[in-house]
């Protein structure tokens, strides 16, 4: 199966080469790499252009004329993707060199799964690497399991989605949400799929040296309330589970280094 990797970018010049090099040096290349520049005001666009120049057969650059946020960028990537599967990566993170190889091997072994989550590694201060594992064994989990078991289930950078599944269910990122857009997207995907598969391999290396990332920025009560209202609009989602989801999301964010 083929894989499209979608990378939204906004003012990431300090970290972008690290990210792009990790994509370019994969043991098995991604079939398609879609880079979306959200009207950056630093040197990000120039860096993106230099990488796409020699890889135009499989790498695609979408430069936006106005800043519309990460959800809008990811939606453009989904719209333009042509592969069987879609994966996401944040521009201040990186992938281990065999990430694409492991993704392909995994989806070929489970061709009927629509949403697969992988473990990840965390890098602190550019040197302290910590491998993250699930609280319990890997396996398949339903939404009712989410708050207590799979680590970082609300993120999209640790998952692979079948493109046909996303299109069939008309799944997109909500551009009205300033915080929690990953969680809202994943909640809808997990409900539509009846759960998600969790695998042991850690593919994404999460870095915490970007002080402007959403991991470091303050979320106020209004952000929480906006996310809750969106979750309430999902048909079939138990109100009790909404409270548990929000509480776990907050705890996860609070554990992030500042």
C-alpha atoms as a PDB file:
ATOM      1  CA  UNK A   1       0.000   0.000   0.000  1.00  0.00           C
ATOM      2  CA  UNK A   2       1.112   3.562  -0.665  1.00  0.00           C
ATOM      3  CA  UNK A   3       1.484   6.308   1.963  1.00  0.00           C
ATOM      4  CA  UNK A   4       1.179  10.089   1.733  1.00  0.00           C
ATOM      5  CA  UNK A   5       2.923  12.053   4.500  1.00  0.00           C
ATOM      6  CA  UNK A   6       1.376  15.456   5.286  1.00  0.00           C
ATOM      7  CA  UNK A   7       3.500  18.115   7.017  1.00  0.00           C
ATOM      8  CA  UNK A   8       1.936  21.507   7.917  1.00  0.00           C
ATOM      9  CA  UNK A   9       4.512  24.274   8.394  1.00  0.00           C
ATOM     10  CA  UNK A  10       4.357  27.718   9.967  1.00  0.00           C
ATOM     11  CA  UNK A  11       7.510  29.608  11.002  1.00  0.00           C
ATOM     12  CA  UNK A  12       9.563  26.480  11.731  1.00  0.00           C
ATOM     13  CA  UNK A  13      12.899  27.450  10.170  1.00  0.00           C
ATOM     14  CA  UNK A  14      14.848  26.496  13.322  1.00  0.00           C
ATOM     15  CA  UNK A  15      13.585  22.904  13.267  1.00  0.00           C
ATOM     16  CA  UNK A  16      12.510  22.298   9.675  1.00  0.00           C
ATOM     17  CA  UNK A  17      15.753  20.852   8.284  1.00  0.00           C
ATOM     18  CA  UNK A  18      15.764  18.233  11.060  1.00  0.00           C
ATOM     19  CA  UNK A  19      12.232  17.236  10.104  1.00  0.00           C
ATOM     20  CA  UNK A  20      12.792  17.181   6.340  1.00  0.00           C
ATOM     21  CA  UNK A  21      16.058  15.271   6.606  1.00  0.00           C
ATOM     22  CA  UNK A  22      14.312  12.558   8.619  1.00  0.00           C
ATOM     23  CA  UNK A  23      11.805  12.220   5.767  1.00  0.00           C
ATOM     24  CA  UNK A  24      14.424  12.309   3.004  1.00  0.00           C
ATOM     25  CA  UNK A  25      16.614   9.658   4.651  1.00  0.00           C
ATOM     26  CA  UNK A  26      13.943   6.974   5.104  1.00  0.00           C
ATOM     27  CA  UNK A  27      15.059   3.408   4.363  1.00  0.00           C
ATOM     28  CA  UNK A  28      11.944   3.119   2.172  1.00  0.00           C
ATOM     29  CA  UNK A  29      10.665   6.453   0.831  1.00  0.00           C
ATOM     30  CA  UNK A  30       7.154   7.732   1.270  1.00  0.00           C
ATOM     31  CA  UNK A  31       5.172   7.515  -1.940  1.00  0.00           C
ATOM     32  CA  UNK A  32       4.096  11.134  -1.541  1.00  0.00           C
ATOM     33  CA  UNK A  33       5.192  13.983   0.731  1.00  0.00           C
ATOM     34  CA  UNK A  34       2.870  16.994   0.928  1.00  0.00           C
ATOM     35  CA  UNK A  35       4.324  20.112   2.565  1.00  0.00           C
ATOM     36  CA  UNK A  36       1.941  22.982   3.316  1.00  0.00           C
ATOM     37  CA  UNK A  37       3.407  26.381   4.190  1.00  0.00           C
ATOM     38  CA  UNK A  38       0.860  28.437   6.153  1.00  0.00           C
ATOM     39  CA  UNK A  39       2.160  31.817   4.961  1.00  0.00           C
ATOM     40  CA  UNK A  40       5.319  31.701   7.091  1.00  0.00           C
ATOM     41  CA  UNK A  41       7.087  34.982   7.811  1.00  0.00           C
ATOM     42  CA  UNK A  42      10.523  33.432   8.459  1.00  0.00           C
ATOM     43  CA  UNK A  43      12.706  31.350   6.145  1.00  0.00           C
ATOM     44  CA  UNK A  44      10.533  28.236   6.192  1.00  0.00           C
ATOM     45  CA  UNK A  45       9.228  28.601   2.642  1.00  0.00           C
ATOM     46  CA  UNK A  46      12.738  28.885   1.237  1.00  0.00           C
ATOM     47  CA  UNK A  47      13.822  25.722   3.054  1.00  0.00           C
ATOM     48  CA  UNK A  48      10.753  23.847   1.809  1.00  0.00           C
ATOM     49  CA  UNK A  49      11.375  24.998  -1.762  1.00  0.00           C
ATOM     50  CA  UNK A  50      14.983  23.788  -1.681  1.00  0.00           C
ATOM     51  CA  UNK A  51      13.930  20.300  -0.565  1.00  0.00           C
ATOM     52  CA  UNK A  52      11.103  19.956  -3.056  1.00  0.00           C
ATOM     53  CA  UNK A  53      13.272  21.165  -5.973  1.00  0.00           C
ATOM     54  CA  UNK A  54      15.180  17.873  -6.298  1.00  0.00           C
ATOM     55  CA  UNK A  55      12.265  15.653  -5.302  1.00  0.00           C
ATOM     56  CA  UNK A  56       9.412  17.081  -7.359  1.00  0.00           C
ATOM     57  CA  UNK A  57       8.336  13.650  -8.563  1.00  0.00           C
ATOM     58  CA  UNK A  58       7.096  12.649  -5.083  1.00  0.00           C
ATOM     59  CA  UNK A  59       7.320  15.818  -2.930  1.00  0.00           C
ATOM     60  CA  UNK A  60       4.673  18.523  -3.311  1.00  0.00           C
ATOM     61  CA  UNK A  61       4.701  22.042  -1.859  1.00  0.00           C
ATOM     62  CA  UNK A  62       1.506  23.996  -1.239  1.00  0.00           C
ATOM     63  CA  UNK A  63       2.314  27.653  -0.363  1.00  0.00           C
ATOM     64  CA  UNK A  64      -0.684  29.453   1.148  1.00  0.00           C
ATOM     65  CA  UNK A  65      -1.243  33.163   0.563  1.00  0.00           C
ATOM     66  CA  UNK A  66      -2.836  33.673   3.995  1.00  0.00           C
ATOM     67  CA  UNK A  67      -2.334  32.157   7.429  1.00  0.00           C
ATOM     68  CA  UNK A  68      -5.361  29.964   8.167  1.00  0.00           C
ATOM     69  CA  UNK A  69      -4.041  27.564  10.796  1.00  0.00           C
ATOM     70  CA  UNK A  70      -2.867  23.974  11.067  1.00  0.00           C
ATOM     71  CA  UNK A  71      -6.316  22.425  10.568  1.00  0.00           C
ATOM     72  CA  UNK A  72      -6.766  24.199   7.241  1.00  0.00           C
ATOM     73  CA  UNK A  73      -3.293  23.056   6.177  1.00  0.00           C
ATOM     74  CA  UNK A  74      -3.948  19.426   7.066  1.00  0.00           C
ATOM     75  CA  UNK A  75      -7.268  19.518   5.222  1.00  0.00           C
ATOM     76  CA  UNK A  76      -5.476  20.732   2.093  1.00  0.00           C
ATOM     77  CA  UNK A  77      -3.083  17.817   2.456  1.00  0.00           C
ATOM     78  CA  UNK A  78      -5.938  15.327   2.760  1.00  0.00           C
ATOM     79  CA  UNK A  79      -7.613  16.889  -0.261  1.00  0.00           C
ATOM     80  CA  UNK A  80      -4.523  16.590  -2.452  1.00  0.00           C
ATOM     81  CA  UNK A  81      -3.263  13.203  -1.212  1.00  0.00           C
ATOM     82  CA  UNK A  82      -3.370  10.364  -3.733  1.00  0.00           C
ATOM     83  CA  UNK A  83      -1.983   7.400  -1.739  1.00  0.00           C
ATOM     84  CA  UNK A  84      -3.878   4.564  -0.068  1.00  0.00           C
ATOM     85  CA  UNK A  85      -2.965   5.815   3.408  1.00  0.00           C
ATOM     86  CA  UNK A  86      -2.259   9.143   5.101  1.00  0.00           C
ATOM     87  CA  UNK A  87       0.169   9.956   7.915  1.00  0.00           C
ATOM     88  CA  UNK A  88       0.918  13.292   9.572  1.00  0.00           C
ATOM     89  CA  UNK A  89       4.097  14.829  10.980  1.00  0.00           C
ATOM     90  CA  UNK A  90       4.634  18.125  12.792  1.00  0.00           C
ATOM     91  CA  UNK A  91       7.399  20.292  11.366  1.00  0.00           C
ATOM     92  CA  UNK A  92       9.316  20.517  14.659  1.00  0.00           C
ATOM     93  CA  UNK A  93       9.458  16.729  15.085  1.00  0.00           C
ATOM     94  CA  UNK A  94      11.171  13.945  13.134  1.00  0.00           C
ATOM     95  CA  UNK A  95      10.773  10.304  12.161  1.00  0.00           C
ATOM     96  CA  UNK A  96      13.121   7.427  12.846  1.00  0.00           C
ATOM     97  CA  UNK A  97      14.811   6.277   9.627  1.00  0.00           C
ATOM     98  CA  UNK A  98      12.719   3.128   9.188  1.00  0.00           C
ATOM     99  CA  UNK A  99       9.345   4.724  10.032  1.00  0.00           C
ATOM    100  CA  UNK A 100       7.876   4.409   6.534  1.00  0.00           C
ATOM    101  CA  UNK A 101       9.174   0.845   6.225  1.00  0.00           C
ATOM    102  CA  UNK A 102       7.444  -0.135   9.486  1.00  0.00           C
ATOM    103  CA  UNK A 103       4.232   1.655   8.488  1.00  0.00           C
ATOM    104  CA  UNK A 104       4.092  -0.226   5.181  1.00  0.00           C
ATOM    105  CA  UNK A 105       4.834  -3.568   6.809  1.00  0.00           C
ATOM    106  CA  UNK A 106       2.148  -2.965   9.416  1.00  0.00           C
ATOM    107  CA  UNK A 107      -0.657  -1.917   7.074  1.00  0.00           C
ATOM    108  CA  UNK A 108       0.151  -4.750   4.671  1.00  0.00           C
ATOM    109  CA  UNK A 109      -0.193  -7.195   7.570  1.00  0.00           C
ATOM    110  CA  UNK A 110      -3.535  -5.611   8.565  1.00  0.00           C
ATOM    111  CA  UNK A 111      -5.089  -4.498   5.273  1.00  0.00           C
ATOM    112  CA  UNK A 112      -8.595  -4.152   6.710  1.00  0.00           C
ATOM    113  CA  UNK A 113      -7.650  -1.744   9.522  1.00  0.00           C
ATOM    114  CA  UNK A 114      -8.473   1.920   8.909  1.00  0.00           C
ATOM    115  CA  UNK A 115      -6.753   3.585  11.902  1.00  0.00           C
ATOM    116  CA  UNK A 116      -3.446   2.366  13.357  1.00  0.00           C
ATOM    117  CA  UNK A 117      -1.527   4.082  16.144  1.00  0.00           C
ATOM    118  CA  UNK A 118       2.185   3.681  16.878  1.00  0.00           C
ATOM    119  CA  UNK A 119       4.254   4.440  19.953  1.00  0.00           C
ATOM    120  CA  UNK A 120       6.654   7.386  19.982  1.00  0.00           C
ATOM    121  CA  UNK A 121       9.883   8.677  21.477  1.00  0.00           C
ATOM    122  CA  UNK A 122      10.336  11.971  23.317  1.00  0.00           C
ATOM    123  CA  UNK A 123      13.441  14.105  23.103  1.00  0.00           C
ATOM    124  CA  UNK A 124      14.189  16.649  25.830  1.00  0.00           C
ATOM    125  CA  UNK A 125      16.919  19.277  25.567  1.00  0.00           C
ATOM    126  CA  UNK A 126      18.049  17.775  22.277  1.00  0.00           C
ATOM    127  CA  UNK A 127      19.641  14.756  23.959  1.00  0.00           C
ATOM    128  CA  UNK A 128      17.439  13.014  26.547  1.00  0.00           C
ATOM    129  CA  UNK A 129      15.416  10.433  24.602  1.00  0.00           C
ATOM    130  CA  UNK A 130      12.602   8.599  26.363  1.00  0.00           C
ATOM    131  CA  UNK A 131      10.628   5.813  24.734  1.00  0.00           C
ATOM    132  CA  UNK A 132       6.887   6.008  25.378  1.00  0.00           C
ATOM    133  CA  UNK A 133       4.797   2.850  25.731  1.00  0.00           C
ATOM    134  CA  UNK A 134       1.135   2.137  26.278  1.00  0.00           C
ATOM    135  CA  UNK A 135      -0.066   1.827  29.839  1.00  0.00           C
ATOM    136  CA  UNK A 136      -1.075  -1.733  29.050  1.00  0.00           C
ATOM    137  CA  UNK A 137      -0.452  -4.089  26.162  1.00  0.00           C
ATOM    138  CA  UNK A 138      -0.849  -3.089  22.558  1.00  0.00           C
ATOM    139  CA  UNK A 139      -4.035  -4.198  20.852  1.00  0.00           C
ATOM    140  CA  UNK A 140      -7.373  -2.833  19.689  1.00  0.00           C
ATOM    141  CA  UNK A 141      -9.185  -0.257  21.815  1.00  0.00           C
ATOM    142  CA  UNK A 142     -12.626   1.321  21.628  1.00  0.00           C
ATOM    143  CA  UNK A 143     -13.372   4.928  22.469  1.00  0.00           C
ATOM    144  CA  UNK A 144     -14.503   3.908  25.966  1.00  0.00           C
ATOM    145  CA  UNK A 145     -10.933   2.648  26.572  1.00  0.00           C
ATOM    146  CA  UNK A 146      -9.227   5.801  25.372  1.00  0.00           C
ATOM    147  CA  UNK A 147      -8.898   7.931  28.515  1.00  0.00           C
ATOM    148  CA  UNK A 148      -7.243   5.146  30.505  1.00  0.00           C
ATOM    149  CA  UNK A 149      -5.110   3.184  28.061  1.00  0.00           C
ATOM    150  CA  UNK A 150      -3.451   4.130  24.758  1.00  0.00           C
ATOM    151  CA  UNK A 151      -0.930   6.897  25.313  1.00  0.00           C
ATOM    152  CA  UNK A 152      -1.418  10.042  23.198  1.00  0.00           C
ATOM    153  CA  UNK A 153      -4.441   8.610  21.391  1.00  0.00           C
ATOM    154  CA  UNK A 154      -5.653  12.167  20.746  1.00  0.00           C
ATOM    155  CA  UNK A 155      -2.636  13.034  18.541  1.00  0.00           C
ATOM    156  CA  UNK A 156      -2.505  12.544  14.757  1.00  0.00           C
ATOM    157  CA  UNK A 157       1.286  12.503  14.369  1.00  0.00           C
ATOM    158  CA  UNK A 158       1.441   8.926  15.723  1.00  0.00           C
ATOM    159  CA  UNK A 159      -1.192   7.383  13.431  1.00  0.00           C
ATOM    160  CA  UNK A 160      -1.831   6.216   9.910  1.00  0.00           C
ATOM    161  CA  UNK A 161      -5.285   6.481   8.334  1.00  0.00           C
ATOM    162  CA  UNK A 162      -6.764   4.855   5.254  1.00  0.00           C
ATOM    163  CA  UNK A 163      -7.513   7.700   2.835  1.00  0.00           C
ATOM    164  CA  UNK A 164     -10.664   5.996   1.546  1.00  0.00           C
ATOM    165  CA  UNK A 165     -11.925   5.687   5.115  1.00  0.00           C
ATOM    166  CA  UNK A 166     -11.402   9.421   5.749  1.00  0.00           C
ATOM    167  CA  UNK A 167     -13.130  10.383   2.513  1.00  0.00           C
ATOM    168  CA  UNK A 168     -16.025   7.962   2.984  1.00  0.00           C
ATOM    169  CA  UNK A 169     -16.742   9.391   6.436  1.00  0.00           C
ATOM    170  CA  UNK A 170     -16.016  12.980   5.332  1.00  0.00           C
ATOM    171  CA  UNK A 171     -13.498  13.405   8.137  1.00  0.00           C
ATOM    172  CA  UNK A 172     -11.723  16.758   8.237  1.00  0.00           C
ATOM    173  CA  UNK A 173     -10.032  18.913  10.843  1.00  0.00           C
ATOM    174  CA  UNK A 174     -12.279  21.565  12.366  1.00  0.00           C
ATOM    175  CA  UNK A 175     -10.853  24.973  11.431  1.00  0.00           C
ATOM    176  CA  UNK A 176     -12.845  26.699  14.185  1.00  0.00           C
ATOM    177  CA  UNK A 177     -10.913  24.964  16.973  1.00  0.00           C
ATOM    178  CA  UNK A 178      -7.730  26.663  18.190  1.00  0.00           C
ATOM    179  CA  UNK A 179      -6.925  23.823  20.577  1.00  0.00           C
ATOM    180  CA  UNK A 180      -7.811  20.143  20.588  1.00  0.00           C
ATOM    181  CA  UNK A 181      -8.357  19.831  16.826  1.00  0.00           C
ATOM    182  CA  UNK A 182      -6.407  16.539  16.825  1.00  0.00           C
ATOM    183  CA  UNK A 183      -8.569  15.130  19.607  1.00  0.00           C
ATOM    184  CA  UNK A 184     -11.793  16.103  17.844  1.00  0.00           C
ATOM    185  CA  UNK A 185     -10.623  14.583  14.552  1.00  0.00           C
ATOM    186  CA  UNK A 186      -9.485  11.347  16.208  1.00  0.00           C
ATOM    187  CA  UNK A 187     -12.666  10.999  18.258  1.00  0.00           C
ATOM    188  CA  UNK A 188     -14.721  11.061  15.082  1.00  0.00           C
ATOM    189  CA  UNK A 189     -12.350   8.626  13.352  1.00  0.00           C
ATOM    190  CA  UNK A 190     -12.366   6.159  16.248  1.00  0.00           C
ATOM    191  CA  UNK A 191     -16.157   6.213  16.466  1.00  0.00           C
ATOM    192  CA  UNK A 192     -16.515   5.707  12.709  1.00  0.00           C
ATOM    193  CA  UNK A 193     -14.015   2.829  12.822  1.00  0.00           C
ATOM    194  CA  UNK A 194     -15.248   1.232  16.047  1.00  0.00           C
ATOM    195  CA  UNK A 195     -11.825   1.606  17.656  1.00  0.00           C
ATOM    196  CA  UNK A 196      -8.149   1.751  16.713  1.00  0.00           C
ATOM    197  CA  UNK A 197      -5.230  -0.660  16.610  1.00  0.00           C
ATOM    198  CA  UNK A 198      -2.166   0.197  18.722  1.00  0.00           C
ATOM    199  CA  UNK A 199       1.250  -1.090  17.704  1.00  0.00           C
ATOM    200  CA  UNK A 200       4.428  -1.293  19.800  1.00  0.00           C
ATOM    201  CA  UNK A 201       6.896   0.370  17.420  1.00  0.00           C
ATOM    202  CA  UNK A 202       7.798   3.984  18.227  1.00  0.00           C
ATOM    203  CA  UNK A 203       8.114   5.916  14.957  1.00  0.00           C
ATOM    204  CA  UNK A 204       7.817   9.641  15.685  1.00  0.00           C
ATOM    205  CA  UNK A 205      10.456  11.472  17.717  1.00  0.00           C
ATOM    206  CA  UNK A 206       8.724  14.299  19.568  1.00  0.00           C
ATOM    207  CA  UNK A 207      10.918  17.285  20.371  1.00  0.00           C
ATOM    208  CA  UNK A 208      10.127  19.786  23.115  1.00  0.00           C
ATOM    209  CA  UNK A 209      12.599  22.528  22.226  1.00  0.00           C
ATOM    210  CA  UNK A 210      10.082  24.673  20.299  1.00  0.00           C
ATOM    211  CA  UNK A 211       8.639  27.098  22.848  1.00  0.00           C
ATOM    212  CA  UNK A 212       6.087  28.367  20.323  1.00  0.00           C
ATOM    213  CA  UNK A 213       4.466  24.988  19.775  1.00  0.00           C
ATOM    214  CA  UNK A 214       0.983  24.417  21.178  1.00  0.00           C
ATOM    215  CA  UNK A 215       2.505  22.100  23.780  1.00  0.00           C
ATOM    216  CA  UNK A 216       4.002  25.163  25.463  1.00  0.00           C
ATOM    217  CA  UNK A 217       1.248  27.701  24.945  1.00  0.00           C
ATOM    218  CA  UNK A 218      -1.451  28.422  27.504  1.00  0.00           C
ATOM    219  CA  UNK A 219      -4.970  27.134  26.898  1.00  0.00           C
ATOM    220  CA  UNK A 220      -7.732  29.069  28.620  1.00  0.00           C
ATOM    221  CA  UNK A 221     -11.219  28.033  29.694  1.00  0.00           C
ATOM    222  CA  UNK A 222     -12.718  29.246  26.419  1.00  0.00           C
ATOM    223  CA  UNK A 223     -10.577  26.726  24.497  1.00  0.00           C
ATOM    224  CA  UNK A 224     -11.839  23.914  26.722  1.00  0.00           C
ATOM    225  CA  UNK A 225     -15.444  25.001  26.326  1.00  0.00           C
ATOM    226  CA  UNK A 226     -15.156  25.238  22.531  1.00  0.00           C
ATOM    227  CA  UNK A 227     -13.767  21.698  22.360  1.00  0.00           C
ATOM    228  CA  UNK A 228     -16.479  20.335  24.661  1.00  0.00           C
ATOM    229  CA  UNK A 229     -19.219  21.902  22.522  1.00  0.00           C
ATOM    230  CA  UNK A 230     -17.746  20.322  19.403  1.00  0.00           C
ATOM    231  CA  UNK A 231     -17.554  16.912  21.090  1.00  0.00           C
ATOM    232  CA  UNK A 232     -21.178  17.191  22.206  1.00  0.00           C
ATOM    233  CA  UNK A 233     -22.149  17.472  18.555  1.00  0.00           C
ATOM    234  CA  UNK A 234     -20.744  14.019  17.726  1.00  0.00           C
ATOM    235  CA  UNK A 235     -23.632  11.595  17.402  1.00  0.00           C
ATOM    236  CA  UNK A 236     -23.467   8.634  19.764  1.00  0.00           C
ATOM    237  CA  UNK A 237     -20.753  10.037  22.027  1.00  0.00           C
ATOM    238  CA  UNK A 238     -21.576   9.391  25.710  1.00  0.00           C
ATOM    239  CA  UNK A 239     -21.459  12.636  27.802  1.00  0.00           C
ATOM    240  CA  UNK A 240     -19.566  10.775  30.539  1.00  0.00           C
ATOM    241  CA  UNK A 241     -16.852   9.845  28.082  1.00  0.00           C
ATOM    242  CA  UNK A 242     -16.586  13.503  26.991  1.00  0.00           C
ATOM    243  CA  UNK A 243     -15.717  14.527  30.567  1.00  0.00           C
ATOM    244  CA  UNK A 244     -13.148  11.732  30.812  1.00  0.00           C
ATOM    245  CA  UNK A 245     -11.612  12.651  27.462  1.00  0.00           C
ATOM    246  CA  UNK A 246     -11.227  16.326  28.392  1.00  0.00           C
ATOM    247  CA  UNK A 247      -9.770  15.471  31.800  1.00  0.00           C
ATOM    248  CA  UNK A 248      -7.208  13.083  30.315  1.00  0.00           C
ATOM    249  CA  UNK A 249      -6.303  15.563  27.571  1.00  0.00           C
ATOM    250  CA  UNK A 250      -5.639  18.238  30.200  1.00  0.00           C
ATOM    251  CA  UNK A 251      -3.513  15.864  32.292  1.00  0.00           C
ATOM    252  CA  UNK A 252      -1.485  14.918  29.250  1.00  0.00           C
ATOM    253  CA  UNK A 253      -0.879  18.579  28.364  1.00  0.00           C
ATOM    254  CA  UNK A 254       0.053  19.417  31.950  1.00  0.00           C
ATOM    255  CA  UNK A 255       2.696  16.665  31.898  1.00  0.00           C
ATOM    256  CA  UNK A 256       4.401  18.275  28.925  1.00  0.00           C
ATOM    257  CA  UNK A 257       7.675  20.052  29.732  1.00  0.00           C
ATOM    258  CA  UNK A 258       7.456  23.850  29.659  1.00  0.00           C
END
